[in-house]
Each structure stands twice: as structure tokens, then as C-alpha cells.
Amino acid sequence: HSVYKIRYHMVTAVKYRKALLIPEVEECITETLRGISERYEIVIDEVGFDQNHIHIVCGAPPRMAPLRIISIINLS
């Protein structure tokens, strides 16, 4: 048995850094992340929005690579 607590701070930007993250879009992204958290073994701790990028603090089991986590989030 093992115990782990791995946390990643991931930042993803809007294409061309355009200021597109209005409250309606933020709500949609938050709902999508909630669904990802339910489907995969990814724990979304916090989500922060700026006008042109998103900060996501999340955790996952050690067997899941950070690249896999960001790929799941970006493709959803």
C-alpha cells in the first residue's frame, strides 16, 4: 500500500492570448472540469481564470503522467 499527494499547477492559454474568458465561458469550463474529475482519477482542487489563461491546481495518482492529465483536460 502507498500514500501519495501529488499536486500540479497547470496553466493553459487561450489561442493568441485573446481575452475571451467571460463569465459564461468560465462556467462552461468549470462544468467540463467537474465532468473530467468524475470520469478520470483527476482531482481538481482549484481553478482560476484570467482574461486569457486558466490556472488549474489538480492531483492524480503517480502512475498518471502530467502530460496525460493536461492532454485529457485540453481535449475535453
C-alpha atoms as a PDB file:
ATOM      1  CA  HIS A   1       0.000   0.000   0.000  1.00  0.00           C
ATOM      2  CA  SER A   2       1.119   3.537  -0.584  1.00  0.00           C
ATOM      3  CA  VAL A   3       0.121   7.065   0.245  1.00  0.00           C
ATOM      4  CA  TYR A   4       0.612   9.960  -2.140  1.00  0.00           C
ATOM      5  CA  LYS A   5      -0.448  13.538  -2.619  1.00  0.00           C
ATOM      6  CA  ILE A   6       0.836  14.906  -5.893  1.00  0.00           C
ATOM      7  CA  ARG A   7      -0.384  18.337  -6.966  1.00  0.00           C
ATOM      8  CA  TYR A   8       0.232  20.045 -10.278  1.00  0.00           C
ATOM      9  CA  HIS A   9      -0.241  23.702 -11.175  1.00  0.00           C
ATOM     10  CA  MET A  10      -1.095  23.790 -14.857  1.00  0.00           C
ATOM     11  CA  VAL A  11      -1.637  26.899 -16.928  1.00  0.00           C
ATOM     12  CA  THR A  12      -3.372  26.776 -20.282  1.00  0.00           C
ATOM     13  CA  ALA A  13      -3.745  29.824 -22.504  1.00  0.00           C
ATOM     14  CA  VAL A  14      -6.359  30.912 -24.994  1.00  0.00           C
ATOM     15  CA  LYS A  15      -5.106  30.784 -28.570  1.00  0.00           C
ATOM     16  CA  TYR A  16      -3.288  34.007 -29.483  1.00  0.00           C
ATOM     17  CA  ARG A  17      -3.835  35.117 -25.845  1.00  0.00           C
ATOM     18  CA  LYS A  18      -7.157  36.748 -26.752  1.00  0.00           C
ATOM     19  CA  ALA A  19      -9.298  37.947 -23.831  1.00  0.00           C
ATOM     20  CA  LEU A  20     -12.195  35.517 -24.328  1.00  0.00           C
ATOM     21  CA  LEU A  21     -12.823  34.186 -20.837  1.00  0.00           C
ATOM     22  CA  ILE A  22     -16.104  35.853 -19.945  1.00  0.00           C
ATOM     23  CA  PRO A  23     -18.229  34.531 -17.038  1.00  0.00           C
ATOM     24  CA  GLU A  24     -20.362  32.295 -19.286  1.00  0.00           C
ATOM     25  CA  VAL A  25     -17.272  30.625 -20.728  1.00  0.00           C
ATOM     26  CA  GLU A  26     -15.769  30.241 -17.250  1.00  0.00           C
ATOM     27  CA  GLU A  27     -18.929  28.463 -16.075  1.00  0.00           C
ATOM     28  CA  CYS A  28     -18.799  26.086 -19.056  1.00  0.00           C
ATOM     29  CA  ILE A  29     -15.124  25.299 -18.418  1.00  0.00           C
ATOM     30  CA  THR A  30     -15.800  24.695 -14.719  1.00  0.00           C
ATOM     31  CA  GLU A  31     -18.604  22.245 -15.588  1.00  0.00           C
ATOM     32  CA  THR A  32     -16.343  20.455 -18.076  1.00  0.00           C
ATOM     33  CA  LEU A  33     -13.599  20.129 -15.463  1.00  0.00           C
ATOM     34  CA  ARG A  34     -16.133  18.742 -12.994  1.00  0.00           C
ATOM     35  CA  GLY A  35     -17.070  16.086 -15.557  1.00  0.00           C
ATOM     36  CA  ILE A  36     -13.413  15.246 -16.179  1.00  0.00           C
ATOM     37  CA  SER A  37     -12.901  14.834 -12.445  1.00  0.00           C
ATOM     38  CA  GLU A  38     -15.797  12.369 -12.303  1.00  0.00           C
ATOM     39  CA  ARG A  39     -14.657  10.329 -15.343  1.00  0.00           C
ATOM     40  CA  TYR A  40     -10.934  10.145 -14.624  1.00  0.00           C
ATOM     41  CA  GLU A  41      -8.824   9.816 -11.492  1.00  0.00           C
ATOM     42  CA  ILE A  42      -8.028  13.524 -11.566  1.00  0.00           C
ATOM     43  CA  VAL A  43      -8.850  15.685  -8.555  1.00  0.00           C
ATOM     44  CA  ILE A  44      -9.418  19.325  -9.469  1.00  0.00           C
ATOM     45  CA  ASP A  45      -8.539  21.362  -6.362  1.00  0.00           C
ATOM     46  CA  GLU A  46      -8.825  24.866  -7.734  1.00  0.00           C
ATOM     47  CA  VAL A  47      -9.491  26.691 -10.991  1.00  0.00           C
ATOM     48  CA  GLY A  48      -8.560  30.316 -11.541  1.00  0.00           C
ATOM     49  CA  PHE A  49      -9.382  32.428 -14.566  1.00  0.00           C
ATOM     50  CA  ASP A  50      -7.691  35.451 -16.028  1.00  0.00           C
ATOM     51  CA  GLN A  51      -8.807  37.131 -19.235  1.00  0.00           C
ATOM     52  CA  ASN A  52      -6.638  34.975 -21.460  1.00  0.00           C
ATOM     53  CA  HIS A  53      -5.473  31.953 -19.459  1.00  0.00           C
ATOM     54  CA  ILE A  54      -6.629  29.394 -16.909  1.00  0.00           C
ATOM     55  CA  HIS A  55      -4.800  28.136 -13.817  1.00  0.00           C
ATOM     56  CA  ILE A  56      -5.693  24.608 -12.706  1.00  0.00           C
ATOM     57  CA  VAL A  57      -4.404  23.027  -9.499  1.00  0.00           C
ATOM     58  CA  CYS A  58      -5.043  19.315  -9.680  1.00  0.00           C
ATOM     59  CA  GLY A  59      -3.822  15.971  -8.468  1.00  0.00           C
ATOM     60  CA  ALA A  60      -3.688  12.440  -9.804  1.00  0.00           C
ATOM     61  CA  PRO A  61      -2.153   9.073  -8.954  1.00  0.00           C
ATOM     62  CA  PRO A  62       1.605   8.802  -9.565  1.00  0.00           C
ATOM     63  CA  ARG A  63       1.046   6.374 -12.435  1.00  0.00           C
ATOM     64  CA  MET A  64      -0.647   9.141 -14.444  1.00  0.00           C
ATOM     65  CA  ALA A  65       1.893  11.403 -16.146  1.00  0.00           C
ATOM     66  CA  PRO A  66       1.377  15.186 -16.080  1.00  0.00           C
ATOM     67  CA  LEU A  67       1.309  15.194 -19.892  1.00  0.00           C
ATOM     68  CA  ARG A  68      -1.600  12.734 -19.807  1.00  0.00           C
ATOM     69  CA  ILE A  69      -3.507  14.974 -17.383  1.00  0.00           C
ATOM     70  CA  ILE A  70      -3.119  18.109 -19.497  1.00  0.00           C
ATOM     71  CA  SER A  71      -3.993  16.107 -22.627  1.00  0.00           C
ATOM     72  CA  ILE A  72      -7.240  14.945 -21.042  1.00  0.00           C
ATOM     73  CA  ILE A  73      -8.103  18.494 -19.981  1.00  0.00           C
ATOM     74  CA  ASN A  74      -7.241  20.075 -23.339  1.00  0.00           C
ATOM     75  CA  LEU A  75      -9.091  17.502 -25.435  1.00  0.00           C
ATOM     76  CA  SER A  76     -12.305  17.611 -23.422  1.00  0.00           C
END
